Amino acid sequence: MILLSFAVIGQAVGLFAVTNVDDIVVLALFFAQGAGHRHAARTIAAGQYLGFAAILGVAVAAAFGATFLPEPAVAYLGLLPLALGIRAAVQAWRHRRDADESPDARPGGPRTLEVAAVTFANGGDNIGVYVPVFATAGIGGMSVYVVVFLALLALWIAAGRYFATRPLVARALSRWGHVLLPVVLIGIGLLILVEGGAFGL
């Protein structure tokens, strides 16, 4: 029984790492965007947990037979990061001459719902991976997966913050983060749309 639990924990750790490795980059960009803004870390963490909780909620419900999110609709989740990326690009363009201002003077600290929307959209394809795993794990195994995922999410947030605050990375993100964030968000959005075959792509 104990060996079985350890096996499930190990599988949960592996599954989370494989399906969320790209989130560390996005988190680092959000932390760079929030540098100098009060409560930015709390806002990003809350948004990440909110978005990931929505992913888990849909996956758990689908594992029990509820299909709140039809498979063809998953592709259109790409519209969320695409729209946020375009919005961030427009803001960066409008404030392109504000580079010498202090971080507090610049607009655009990350908002909880924006982080949640990007997290949910970026992890939308994870739902298709989680559902069969949850469905075959049973209630006990599913509970272990959820607990491990939520614990690892804190580690992912810490890793994103760590990378964003390393001197070399911080300097690069401080200089180019306002460009990288919209590029990454637009890229994620387009990738989700294309891979999902949205609009006949």
N, C-alpha and C. Protein backbone atom coordinates (compact mmCIF):
# COMPACT_ATOMS: atom_id res chain seq x y z
N MET A 1 0.84 -1.21 0.00
CA MET A 1 0.00 0.00 0.00
C MET A 1 0.87 1.26 0.00
N ILE A 2 1.91 1.25 0.87
CA ILE A 2 2.81 2.41 0.95
C ILE A 2 3.59 2.54 -0.36
N LEU A 3 4.04 1.41 -0.89
CA LEU A 3 4.78 1.43 -2.16
C LEU A 3 3.89 1.95 -3.28
N LEU A 4 2.61 1.57 -3.24
CA LEU A 4 1.66 2.03 -4.25
C LEU A 4 1.49 3.55 -4.17
N SER A 5 1.41 4.07 -2.92
CA SER A 5 1.27 5.52 -2.73
C SER A 5 2.49 6.26 -3.26
N PHE A 6 3.68 5.71 -2.96
CA PHE A 6 4.91 6.34 -3.46
C PHE A 6 4.96 6.30 -4.99
N ALA A 7 4.46 5.21 -5.56
CA ALA A 7 4.44 5.09 -7.02
C ALA A 7 3.52 6.15 -7.62
N VAL A 8 2.35 6.35 -7.00
CA VAL A 8 1.41 7.36 -7.49
C VAL A 8 2.00 8.75 -7.35
N ILE A 9 2.68 9.01 -6.21
CA ILE A 9 3.32 10.32 -6.00
C ILE A 9 4.39 10.55 -7.07
N GLY A 10 5.19 9.53 -7.33
CA GLY A 10 6.23 9.65 -8.36
C GLY A 10 5.64 9.91 -9.73
N GLN A 11 4.55 9.22 -10.05
CA GLN A 11 3.88 9.44 -11.34
C GLN A 11 3.30 10.85 -11.42
N ALA A 12 2.75 11.32 -10.30
CA ALA A 12 2.16 12.67 -10.26
C ALA A 12 3.24 13.73 -10.48
N VAL A 13 4.40 13.54 -9.82
CA VAL A 13 5.51 14.49 -9.98
C VAL A 13 5.96 14.52 -11.44
N GLY A 14 6.14 13.35 -12.03
CA GLY A 14 6.56 13.27 -13.43
C GLY A 14 5.56 13.90 -14.38
N LEU A 15 4.27 13.59 -14.16
CA LEU A 15 3.22 14.12 -15.03
C LEU A 15 3.15 15.63 -14.94
N PHE A 16 3.24 16.17 -13.73
CA PHE A 16 3.18 17.62 -13.56
C PHE A 16 4.36 18.29 -14.25
N ALA A 17 5.56 17.75 -14.03
CA ALA A 17 6.77 18.36 -14.60
C ALA A 17 6.70 18.38 -16.13
N VAL A 18 6.28 17.26 -16.70
CA VAL A 18 6.25 17.16 -18.17
C VAL A 18 5.21 18.10 -18.78
N THR A 19 4.06 18.22 -18.12
CA THR A 19 2.97 19.02 -18.71
C THR A 19 3.04 20.50 -18.38
N ASN A 20 3.94 20.88 -17.46
CA ASN A 20 3.97 22.30 -17.04
C ASN A 20 5.35 22.95 -17.13
N VAL A 21 6.27 22.31 -17.84
CA VAL A 21 7.64 22.84 -17.89
C VAL A 21 7.68 24.24 -18.50
N ASP A 22 6.82 24.54 -19.45
CA ASP A 22 6.82 25.85 -20.11
C ASP A 22 6.29 26.95 -19.20
N ASP A 23 5.57 26.58 -18.14
CA ASP A 23 5.00 27.59 -17.24
C ASP A 23 6.08 28.38 -16.49
N ILE A 24 7.24 27.78 -16.28
CA ILE A 24 8.30 28.48 -15.54
C ILE A 24 8.74 29.72 -16.31
N VAL A 25 8.83 29.60 -17.62
CA VAL A 25 9.23 30.75 -18.45
C VAL A 25 8.18 31.85 -18.36
N VAL A 26 6.91 31.46 -18.48
CA VAL A 26 5.81 32.43 -18.41
C VAL A 26 5.78 33.10 -17.04
N LEU A 27 5.97 32.31 -15.98
CA LEU A 27 5.99 32.86 -14.62
C LEU A 27 7.14 33.85 -14.45
N ALA A 28 8.32 33.51 -14.97
CA ALA A 28 9.47 34.42 -14.86
C ALA A 28 9.16 35.74 -15.54
N LEU A 29 8.48 35.69 -16.68
CA LEU A 29 8.10 36.91 -17.39
C LEU A 29 7.10 37.73 -16.60
N PHE A 30 6.14 37.05 -15.96
CA PHE A 30 5.17 37.76 -15.12
C PHE A 30 5.88 38.41 -13.92
N PHE A 31 6.82 37.69 -13.32
CA PHE A 31 7.54 38.27 -12.18
C PHE A 31 8.39 39.46 -12.62
N ALA A 32 8.96 39.38 -13.82
CA ALA A 32 9.73 40.51 -14.35
C ALA A 32 8.81 41.70 -14.59
N GLN A 33 7.61 41.43 -15.11
CA GLN A 33 6.64 42.50 -15.35
C GLN A 33 6.21 43.14 -14.04
N GLY A 34 6.15 42.34 -12.98
CA GLY A 34 5.69 42.84 -11.68
C GLY A 34 6.79 43.43 -10.82
N ALA A 35 8.05 43.41 -11.30
CA ALA A 35 9.15 43.94 -10.51
C ALA A 35 8.88 45.39 -10.12
N GLY A 36 9.00 45.68 -8.82
CA GLY A 36 8.79 47.04 -8.34
C GLY A 36 7.36 47.36 -8.00
N HIS A 37 6.43 46.46 -8.33
CA HIS A 37 5.02 46.68 -8.00
C HIS A 37 4.69 45.95 -6.69
N ARG A 38 3.98 46.63 -5.81
CA ARG A 38 3.61 46.03 -4.53
C ARG A 38 2.67 44.85 -4.74
N HIS A 39 2.87 43.83 -3.96
CA HIS A 39 2.01 42.63 -3.96
C HIS A 39 2.01 41.88 -5.29
N ALA A 40 2.99 42.13 -6.14
CA ALA A 40 3.02 41.44 -7.44
C ALA A 40 3.16 39.93 -7.25
N ALA A 41 4.03 39.51 -6.33
CA ALA A 41 4.23 38.08 -6.10
C ALA A 41 2.94 37.41 -5.65
N ARG A 42 2.22 38.07 -4.76
CA ARG A 42 0.95 37.53 -4.28
C ARG A 42 -0.07 37.45 -5.41
N THR A 43 -0.11 38.48 -6.25
CA THR A 43 -1.04 38.51 -7.37
C THR A 43 -0.75 37.38 -8.37
N ILE A 44 0.54 37.20 -8.67
CA ILE A 44 0.93 36.15 -9.63
C ILE A 44 0.61 34.77 -9.07
N ALA A 45 0.96 34.55 -7.79
CA ALA A 45 0.69 33.26 -7.16
C ALA A 45 -0.82 32.97 -7.13
N ALA A 46 -1.61 33.98 -6.78
CA ALA A 46 -3.06 33.80 -6.73
C ALA A 46 -3.61 33.47 -8.12
N GLY A 47 -3.13 34.18 -9.14
CA GLY A 47 -3.57 33.93 -10.50
C GLY A 47 -3.18 32.55 -10.99
N GLN A 48 -1.96 32.13 -10.65
CA GLN A 48 -1.48 30.80 -11.05
C GLN A 48 -2.32 29.71 -10.40
N TYR A 49 -2.59 29.86 -9.11
CA TYR A 49 -3.41 28.87 -8.41
C TYR A 49 -4.85 28.86 -8.92
N LEU A 50 -5.38 30.05 -9.19
CA LEU A 50 -6.76 30.14 -9.69
C LEU A 50 -6.88 29.45 -11.05
N GLY A 51 -5.95 29.75 -11.95
CA GLY A 51 -5.98 29.14 -13.28
C GLY A 51 -5.78 27.65 -13.23
N PHE A 52 -4.83 27.20 -12.38
CA PHE A 52 -4.56 25.77 -12.31
C PHE A 52 -5.70 25.02 -11.61
N ALA A 53 -6.33 25.67 -10.62
CA ALA A 53 -7.48 25.06 -9.96
C ALA A 53 -8.61 24.85 -10.96
N ALA A 54 -8.77 25.79 -11.90
CA ALA A 54 -9.79 25.64 -12.94
C ALA A 54 -9.46 24.45 -13.83
N ILE A 55 -8.18 24.28 -14.18
CA ILE A 55 -7.76 23.12 -14.98
C ILE A 55 -8.08 21.83 -14.25
N LEU A 56 -7.71 21.76 -12.96
CA LEU A 56 -7.98 20.56 -12.18
C LEU A 56 -9.47 20.32 -12.02
N GLY A 57 -10.23 21.40 -11.82
CA GLY A 57 -11.68 21.26 -11.68
C GLY A 57 -12.32 20.64 -12.91
N VAL A 58 -11.92 21.13 -14.07
CA VAL A 58 -12.47 20.60 -15.33
C VAL A 58 -12.02 19.15 -15.52
N ALA A 59 -10.74 18.86 -15.23
CA ALA A 59 -10.21 17.50 -15.41
C ALA A 59 -10.89 16.51 -14.47
N VAL A 60 -11.08 16.89 -13.21
CA VAL A 60 -11.74 16.01 -12.24
C VAL A 60 -13.19 15.77 -12.64
N ALA A 61 -13.89 16.85 -13.03
CA ALA A 61 -15.28 16.71 -13.45
C ALA A 61 -15.40 15.80 -14.67
N ALA A 62 -14.49 15.98 -15.62
CA ALA A 62 -14.51 15.14 -16.84
C ALA A 62 -14.19 13.69 -16.51
N ALA A 63 -13.31 13.47 -15.51
CA ALA A 63 -12.98 12.10 -15.10
C ALA A 63 -14.19 11.39 -14.51
N PHE A 64 -15.10 12.18 -13.94
CA PHE A 64 -16.34 11.62 -13.39
C PHE A 64 -17.46 11.59 -14.43
N GLY A 65 -17.13 11.97 -15.66
CA GLY A 65 -18.11 11.85 -16.73
C GLY A 65 -18.75 13.16 -17.17
N ALA A 66 -18.44 14.25 -16.49
CA ALA A 66 -19.01 15.55 -16.90
C ALA A 66 -18.11 16.17 -17.96
N THR A 67 -18.70 16.65 -19.03
CA THR A 67 -17.89 17.26 -20.10
C THR A 67 -18.26 18.72 -20.23
N PHE A 68 -17.72 19.53 -19.30
CA PHE A 68 -17.99 20.97 -19.34
C PHE A 68 -17.28 21.64 -20.51
N LEU A 69 -16.18 21.04 -20.93
CA LEU A 69 -15.37 21.65 -21.97
C LEU A 69 -15.20 20.65 -23.12
N PRO A 70 -16.07 20.73 -24.14
CA PRO A 70 -15.93 19.80 -25.27
C PRO A 70 -14.55 19.91 -25.89
N GLU A 71 -14.03 18.78 -26.37
CA GLU A 71 -12.67 18.75 -26.91
C GLU A 71 -12.42 19.80 -28.00
N PRO A 72 -13.35 20.01 -28.94
CA PRO A 72 -13.10 21.03 -29.97
C PRO A 72 -12.95 22.45 -29.40
N ALA A 73 -13.53 22.69 -28.21
CA ALA A 73 -13.47 24.03 -27.62
C ALA A 73 -12.09 24.34 -27.04
N VAL A 74 -11.31 23.29 -26.72
CA VAL A 74 -10.00 23.50 -26.09
C VAL A 74 -9.09 24.35 -26.97
N ALA A 75 -9.16 24.13 -28.28
CA ALA A 75 -8.30 24.88 -29.21
C ALA A 75 -8.54 26.39 -29.12
N TYR A 76 -9.81 26.76 -28.87
CA TYR A 76 -10.15 28.19 -28.85
C TYR A 76 -9.71 28.88 -27.56
N LEU A 77 -9.20 28.11 -26.59
CA LEU A 77 -8.61 28.73 -25.40
C LEU A 77 -7.38 29.56 -25.79
N GLY A 78 -6.82 29.27 -26.95
CA GLY A 78 -5.68 30.04 -27.44
C GLY A 78 -6.00 31.51 -27.64
N LEU A 79 -7.29 31.82 -27.77
CA LEU A 79 -7.68 33.23 -27.94
C LEU A 79 -7.36 34.06 -26.70
N LEU A 80 -7.36 33.42 -25.50
CA LEU A 80 -7.09 34.16 -24.26
C LEU A 80 -5.66 34.71 -24.22
N PRO A 81 -4.62 33.84 -24.30
CA PRO A 81 -3.26 34.41 -24.29
C PRO A 81 -2.98 35.27 -25.52
N LEU A 82 -3.61 34.96 -26.66
CA LEU A 82 -3.42 35.77 -27.87
C LEU A 82 -3.91 37.20 -27.62
N ALA A 83 -5.11 37.33 -27.06
CA ALA A 83 -5.67 38.65 -26.78
C ALA A 83 -4.83 39.39 -25.73
N LEU A 84 -4.41 38.67 -24.66
CA LEU A 84 -3.59 39.31 -23.63
C LEU A 84 -2.23 39.71 -24.17
N GLY A 85 -1.68 38.89 -25.08
CA GLY A 85 -0.39 39.22 -25.69
C GLY A 85 -0.48 40.46 -26.57
N ILE A 86 -1.56 40.55 -27.35
CA ILE A 86 -1.77 41.73 -28.20
C ILE A 86 -1.94 42.97 -27.33
N ARG A 87 -2.70 42.82 -26.24
CA ARG A 87 -2.90 43.94 -25.32
C ARG A 87 -1.57 44.39 -24.71
N ALA A 88 -0.74 43.40 -24.29
CA ALA A 88 0.56 43.73 -23.71
C ALA A 88 1.47 44.39 -24.75
N ALA A 89 1.37 43.95 -26.01
CA ALA A 89 2.19 44.54 -27.08
C ALA A 89 1.78 45.99 -27.32
N VAL A 90 0.47 46.25 -27.31
CA VAL A 90 -0.03 47.62 -27.50
C VAL A 90 0.45 48.52 -26.36
N GLN A 91 0.38 48.00 -25.11
CA GLN A 91 0.84 48.78 -23.96
C GLN A 91 2.35 49.05 -24.05
N ALA A 92 3.10 48.04 -24.45
CA ALA A 92 4.55 48.21 -24.58
C ALA A 92 4.88 49.26 -25.64
N TRP A 93 4.11 49.26 -26.73
CA TRP A 93 4.35 50.23 -27.80
C TRP A 93 4.01 51.65 -27.33
N ARG A 94 2.90 51.78 -26.62
CA ARG A 94 2.48 53.11 -26.14
C ARG A 94 3.49 53.68 -25.14
N HIS A 95 4.12 52.82 -24.37
CA HIS A 95 5.03 53.28 -23.31
C HIS A 95 6.49 52.95 -23.65
N ARG A 96 6.79 52.89 -24.94
CA ARG A 96 8.15 52.52 -25.37
C ARG A 96 9.19 53.54 -24.95
N ARG A 97 8.78 54.78 -24.69
CA ARG A 97 9.74 55.81 -24.29
C ARG A 97 9.83 55.95 -22.77
N ASP A 98 9.15 55.03 -22.04
CA ASP A 98 9.16 55.11 -20.58
C ASP A 98 10.24 54.23 -19.97
N ALA A 99 11.18 53.76 -20.76
CA ALA A 99 12.17 52.79 -20.27
C ALA A 99 12.99 53.33 -19.11
N ASP A 100 13.15 54.66 -19.07
CA ASP A 100 13.98 55.25 -18.01
C ASP A 100 13.21 55.53 -16.73
N GLU A 101 11.89 55.27 -16.77
CA GLU A 101 11.09 55.52 -15.58
C GLU A 101 11.32 54.41 -14.56
N SER A 102 10.99 54.70 -13.32
CA SER A 102 11.08 53.65 -12.30
C SER A 102 9.99 52.63 -12.56
N PRO A 103 10.15 51.38 -12.07
CA PRO A 103 9.15 50.37 -12.30
C PRO A 103 7.77 50.76 -11.80
N ASP A 104 7.72 51.50 -10.68
CA ASP A 104 6.42 51.88 -10.15
C ASP A 104 5.69 52.84 -11.07
N ALA A 105 6.45 53.60 -11.88
CA ALA A 105 5.83 54.58 -12.76
C ALA A 105 5.28 53.93 -14.02
N ARG A 106 5.75 52.72 -14.30
CA ARG A 106 5.28 52.04 -15.50
C ARG A 106 3.98 51.32 -15.23
N PRO A 107 3.07 51.34 -16.18
CA PRO A 107 1.82 50.61 -15.98
C PRO A 107 2.06 49.13 -16.21
N GLY A 108 1.08 48.34 -15.86
CA GLY A 108 1.12 46.97 -16.33
C GLY A 108 1.65 45.93 -15.38
N GLY A 109 1.54 46.14 -14.05
CA GLY A 109 1.82 45.03 -13.16
C GLY A 109 0.80 43.94 -13.45
N PRO A 110 1.20 42.67 -13.35
CA PRO A 110 0.26 41.60 -13.70
C PRO A 110 -0.97 41.59 -12.81
N ARG A 111 -2.10 41.24 -13.39
CA ARG A 111 -3.36 41.15 -12.65
C ARG A 111 -3.70 39.68 -12.44
N THR A 112 -4.37 39.40 -11.34
CA THR A 112 -4.69 38.02 -10.97
C THR A 112 -5.44 37.29 -12.08
N LEU A 113 -6.48 37.91 -12.61
CA LEU A 113 -7.29 37.23 -13.63
C LEU A 113 -6.54 37.05 -14.94
N GLU A 114 -5.62 37.97 -15.26
CA GLU A 114 -4.80 37.79 -16.46
C GLU A 114 -3.88 36.58 -16.32
N VAL A 115 -3.23 36.48 -15.16
CA VAL A 115 -2.35 35.33 -14.91
C VAL A 115 -3.17 34.05 -14.93
N ALA A 116 -4.35 34.08 -14.32
CA ALA A 116 -5.22 32.90 -14.28
C ALA A 116 -5.64 32.50 -15.69
N ALA A 117 -5.99 33.48 -16.52
CA ALA A 117 -6.43 33.19 -17.88
C ALA A 117 -5.32 32.56 -18.71
N VAL A 118 -4.10 33.09 -18.57
CA VAL A 118 -2.96 32.53 -19.31
C VAL A 118 -2.65 31.13 -18.80
N THR A 119 -2.69 30.94 -17.49
CA THR A 119 -2.43 29.62 -16.91
C THR A 119 -3.43 28.60 -17.41
N PHE A 120 -4.72 28.99 -17.40
CA PHE A 120 -5.77 28.06 -17.83
C PHE A 120 -5.64 27.74 -19.32
N ALA A 121 -5.43 28.77 -20.12
CA ALA A 121 -5.33 28.55 -21.57
C ALA A 121 -4.09 27.74 -21.91
N ASN A 122 -2.97 28.06 -21.27
CA ASN A 122 -1.72 27.35 -21.54
C ASN A 122 -1.80 25.89 -21.09
N GLY A 123 -2.61 25.64 -20.07
CA GLY A 123 -2.76 24.27 -19.57
C GLY A 123 -4.01 23.58 -20.07
N GLY A 124 -4.71 24.21 -21.00
CA GLY A 124 -5.95 23.61 -21.50
C GLY A 124 -5.74 22.24 -22.12
N ASP A 125 -4.62 22.08 -22.84
CA ASP A 125 -4.35 20.79 -23.46
C ASP A 125 -3.95 19.74 -22.42
N ASN A 126 -3.52 20.20 -21.22
CA ASN A 126 -3.19 19.27 -20.15
C ASN A 126 -4.42 18.50 -19.68
N ILE A 127 -5.59 19.13 -19.83
CA ILE A 127 -6.83 18.49 -19.38
C ILE A 127 -7.00 17.14 -20.07
N GLY A 128 -6.71 17.10 -21.37
CA GLY A 128 -6.83 15.85 -22.11
C GLY A 128 -5.90 14.77 -21.60
N VAL A 129 -4.76 15.17 -21.01
CA VAL A 129 -3.81 14.21 -20.44
C VAL A 129 -4.28 13.78 -19.05
N TYR A 130 -4.77 14.75 -18.26
CA TYR A 130 -5.15 14.47 -16.88
C TYR A 130 -6.39 13.61 -16.77
N VAL A 131 -7.35 13.80 -17.66
CA VAL A 131 -8.65 13.11 -17.52
C VAL A 131 -8.50 11.59 -17.48
N PRO A 132 -7.85 10.96 -18.47
CA PRO A 132 -7.74 9.50 -18.39
C PRO A 132 -6.94 9.02 -17.19
N VAL A 133 -5.92 9.79 -16.79
CA VAL A 133 -5.11 9.42 -15.63
C VAL A 133 -5.97 9.46 -14.37
N PHE A 134 -6.74 10.55 -14.20
CA PHE A 134 -7.61 10.69 -13.04
C PHE A 134 -8.69 9.61 -13.04
N ALA A 135 -9.25 9.35 -14.21
CA ALA A 135 -10.35 8.39 -14.31
C ALA A 135 -9.91 6.99 -13.90
N THR A 136 -8.67 6.62 -14.22
CA THR A 136 -8.18 5.28 -13.89
C THR A 136 -7.56 5.21 -12.50
N ALA A 137 -7.26 6.37 -11.90
CA ALA A 137 -6.59 6.38 -10.59
C ALA A 137 -7.56 6.16 -9.44
N GLY A 138 -8.85 6.36 -9.67
CA GLY A 138 -9.82 6.26 -8.59
C GLY A 138 -9.78 7.50 -7.72
N ILE A 139 -10.71 7.58 -6.77
CA ILE A 139 -10.82 8.79 -5.94
C ILE A 139 -9.57 8.99 -5.09
N GLY A 140 -9.05 7.90 -4.50
CA GLY A 140 -7.85 8.00 -3.66
C GLY A 140 -6.65 8.46 -4.46
N GLY A 141 -6.42 7.83 -5.60
CA GLY A 141 -5.28 8.19 -6.45
C GLY A 141 -5.42 9.59 -6.99
N MET A 142 -6.65 9.95 -7.39
CA MET A 142 -6.90 11.29 -7.91
C MET A 142 -6.59 12.34 -6.85
N SER A 143 -6.94 12.06 -5.60
CA SER A 143 -6.66 13.00 -4.50
C SER A 143 -5.16 13.21 -4.35
N VAL A 144 -4.39 12.11 -4.48
CA VAL A 144 -2.93 12.22 -4.39
C VAL A 144 -2.40 13.10 -5.52
N TYR A 145 -2.89 12.87 -6.74
CA TYR A 145 -2.46 13.69 -7.88
C TYR A 145 -2.73 15.16 -7.63
N VAL A 146 -3.93 15.48 -7.17
CA VAL A 146 -4.32 16.88 -6.95
C VAL A 146 -3.43 17.52 -5.89
N VAL A 147 -3.20 16.83 -4.77
CA VAL A 147 -2.37 17.37 -3.68
C VAL A 147 -0.94 17.60 -4.16
N VAL A 148 -0.39 16.61 -4.88
CA VAL A 148 0.98 16.73 -5.39
C VAL A 148 1.08 17.89 -6.39
N PHE A 149 0.10 17.99 -7.29
CA PHE A 149 0.09 19.07 -8.28
C PHE A 149 0.08 20.43 -7.60
N LEU A 150 -0.78 20.59 -6.60
CA LEU A 150 -0.88 21.89 -5.92
C LEU A 150 0.39 22.22 -5.14
N ALA A 151 1.04 21.20 -4.57
CA ALA A 151 2.30 21.43 -3.85
C ALA A 151 3.40 21.82 -4.84
N LEU A 152 3.45 21.12 -5.98
CA LEU A 152 4.48 21.43 -6.98
C LEU A 152 4.25 22.80 -7.63
N LEU A 153 3.00 23.23 -7.66
CA LEU A 153 2.71 24.54 -8.22
C LEU A 153 3.43 25.64 -7.43
N ALA A 154 3.49 25.48 -6.10
CA ALA A 154 4.22 26.44 -5.27
C ALA A 154 5.70 26.43 -5.63
N LEU A 155 6.25 25.24 -5.90
CA LEU A 155 7.65 25.13 -6.32
C LEU A 155 7.86 25.81 -7.67
N TRP A 156 6.91 25.64 -8.58
CA TRP A 156 6.99 26.27 -9.91
C TRP A 156 6.98 27.79 -9.78
N ILE A 157 6.12 28.31 -8.91
CA ILE A 157 6.03 29.76 -8.70
C ILE A 157 7.35 30.27 -8.13
N ALA A 158 7.89 29.55 -7.16
CA ALA A 158 9.18 29.93 -6.56
C ALA A 158 10.29 29.90 -7.61
N ALA A 159 10.26 28.89 -8.49
CA ALA A 159 11.28 28.79 -9.54
C ALA A 159 11.17 29.95 -10.51
N GLY A 160 9.94 30.31 -10.89
CA GLY A 160 9.74 31.45 -11.78
C GLY A 160 10.26 32.73 -11.17
N ARG A 161 9.99 32.91 -9.88
CA ARG A 161 10.48 34.11 -9.19
C ARG A 161 12.00 34.09 -9.08
N TYR A 162 12.55 32.89 -8.79
CA TYR A 162 14.00 32.75 -8.67
C TYR A 162 14.69 33.16 -9.97
N PHE A 163 14.22 32.61 -11.09
CA PHE A 163 14.85 32.93 -12.37
C PHE A 163 14.72 34.42 -12.71
N ALA A 164 13.59 35.00 -12.36
CA ALA A 164 13.36 36.41 -12.68
C ALA A 164 14.22 37.34 -11.84
N THR A 165 14.73 36.84 -10.70
CA THR A 165 15.52 37.70 -9.82
C THR A 165 17.02 37.41 -9.88
N ARG A 166 17.45 36.46 -10.71
CA ARG A 166 18.90 36.26 -10.90
C ARG A 166 19.45 37.48 -11.62
N PRO A 167 20.58 38.04 -11.16
CA PRO A 167 21.08 39.31 -11.73
C PRO A 167 21.13 39.33 -13.26
N LEU A 168 21.70 38.29 -13.85
CA LEU A 168 21.83 38.27 -15.32
C LEU A 168 20.46 38.20 -15.98
N VAL A 169 19.62 37.28 -15.48
CA VAL A 169 18.28 37.11 -16.04
C VAL A 169 17.44 38.35 -15.78
N ALA A 170 17.56 38.90 -14.55
CA ALA A 170 16.78 40.08 -14.18
C ALA A 170 17.10 41.26 -15.08
N ARG A 171 18.40 41.44 -15.38
CA ARG A 171 18.79 42.54 -16.27
C ARG A 171 18.20 42.35 -17.67
N ALA A 172 18.27 41.11 -18.16
CA ALA A 172 17.74 40.82 -19.49
C ALA A 172 16.23 41.02 -19.52
N LEU A 173 15.54 40.51 -18.48
CA LEU A 173 14.08 40.65 -18.44
C LEU A 173 13.66 42.10 -18.23
N SER A 174 14.47 42.83 -17.44
CA SER A 174 14.16 44.25 -17.22
C SER A 174 14.26 45.02 -18.54
N ARG A 175 15.23 44.63 -19.36
CA ARG A 175 15.44 45.34 -20.62
C ARG A 175 14.48 44.86 -21.71
N TRP A 176 14.24 43.54 -21.76
CA TRP A 176 13.48 42.96 -22.87
C TRP A 176 12.16 42.33 -22.46
N GLY A 177 11.86 42.29 -21.14
CA GLY A 177 10.65 41.62 -20.67
C GLY A 177 9.37 42.18 -21.27
N HIS A 178 9.33 43.52 -21.46
CA HIS A 178 8.12 44.14 -22.03
C HIS A 178 7.90 43.71 -23.48
N VAL A 179 8.97 43.24 -24.14
CA VAL A 179 8.85 42.72 -25.51
C VAL A 179 8.59 41.22 -25.47
N LEU A 180 9.31 40.51 -24.58
CA LEU A 180 9.19 39.05 -24.52
C LEU A 180 7.82 38.59 -24.07
N LEU A 181 7.21 39.28 -23.09
CA LEU A 181 5.92 38.84 -22.57
C LEU A 181 4.86 38.78 -23.66
N PRO A 182 4.63 39.86 -24.44
CA PRO A 182 3.64 39.74 -25.51
C PRO A 182 4.01 38.71 -26.57
N VAL A 183 5.31 38.60 -26.87
CA VAL A 183 5.74 37.61 -27.88
C VAL A 183 5.42 36.20 -27.41
N VAL A 184 5.74 35.91 -26.14
CA VAL A 184 5.47 34.58 -25.59
C VAL A 184 3.97 34.30 -25.52
N LEU A 185 3.19 35.28 -25.06
CA LEU A 185 1.74 35.08 -24.95
C LEU A 185 1.11 34.88 -26.32
N ILE A 186 1.51 35.70 -27.28
CA ILE A 186 0.97 35.55 -28.64
C ILE A 186 1.39 34.20 -29.22
N GLY A 187 2.66 33.81 -28.97
CA GLY A 187 3.15 32.52 -29.45
C GLY A 187 2.36 31.36 -28.85
N ILE A 188 2.09 31.42 -27.53
CA ILE A 188 1.31 30.38 -26.87
C ILE A 188 -0.10 30.32 -27.48
N GLY A 189 -0.70 31.50 -27.64
CA GLY A 189 -2.05 31.55 -28.21
C GLY A 189 -2.12 30.94 -29.59
N LEU A 190 -1.18 31.32 -30.46
CA LEU A 190 -1.16 30.80 -31.83
C LEU A 190 -0.90 29.29 -31.85
N LEU A 191 0.00 28.85 -30.97
CA LEU A 191 0.32 27.42 -30.90
C LEU A 191 -0.91 26.60 -30.50
N ILE A 192 -1.64 27.09 -29.50
CA ILE A 192 -2.85 26.38 -29.06
C ILE A 192 -3.89 26.35 -30.18
N LEU A 193 -4.05 27.48 -30.84
CA LEU A 193 -5.04 27.56 -31.93
C LEU A 193 -4.67 26.62 -33.09
N VAL A 194 -3.39 26.65 -33.49
CA VAL A 194 -2.95 25.84 -34.63
C VAL A 194 -2.97 24.35 -34.29
N GLU A 195 -2.41 23.98 -33.12
CA GLU A 195 -2.37 22.58 -32.76
C GLU A 195 -3.76 22.00 -32.55
N GLY A 196 -4.68 22.84 -32.10
CA GLY A 196 -6.06 22.36 -31.90
C GLY A 196 -6.92 22.42 -33.13
N GLY A 197 -6.39 22.99 -34.21
CA GLY A 197 -7.15 23.07 -35.45
C GLY A 197 -8.29 24.08 -35.41
N ALA A 198 -8.14 25.11 -34.58
CA ALA A 198 -9.18 26.14 -34.49
C ALA A 198 -9.29 26.90 -35.82
N PHE A 199 -10.48 27.28 -36.17
CA PHE A 199 -10.76 28.03 -37.39
C PHE A 199 -10.25 27.30 -38.64
N GLY A 200 -10.15 25.98 -38.55
CA GLY A 200 -9.69 25.19 -39.69
C GLY A 200 -8.23 25.32 -40.00
N LEU A 201 -7.42 25.78 -39.01
CA LEU A 201 -5.97 25.96 -39.23
C LEU A 201 -5.26 24.62 -39.35
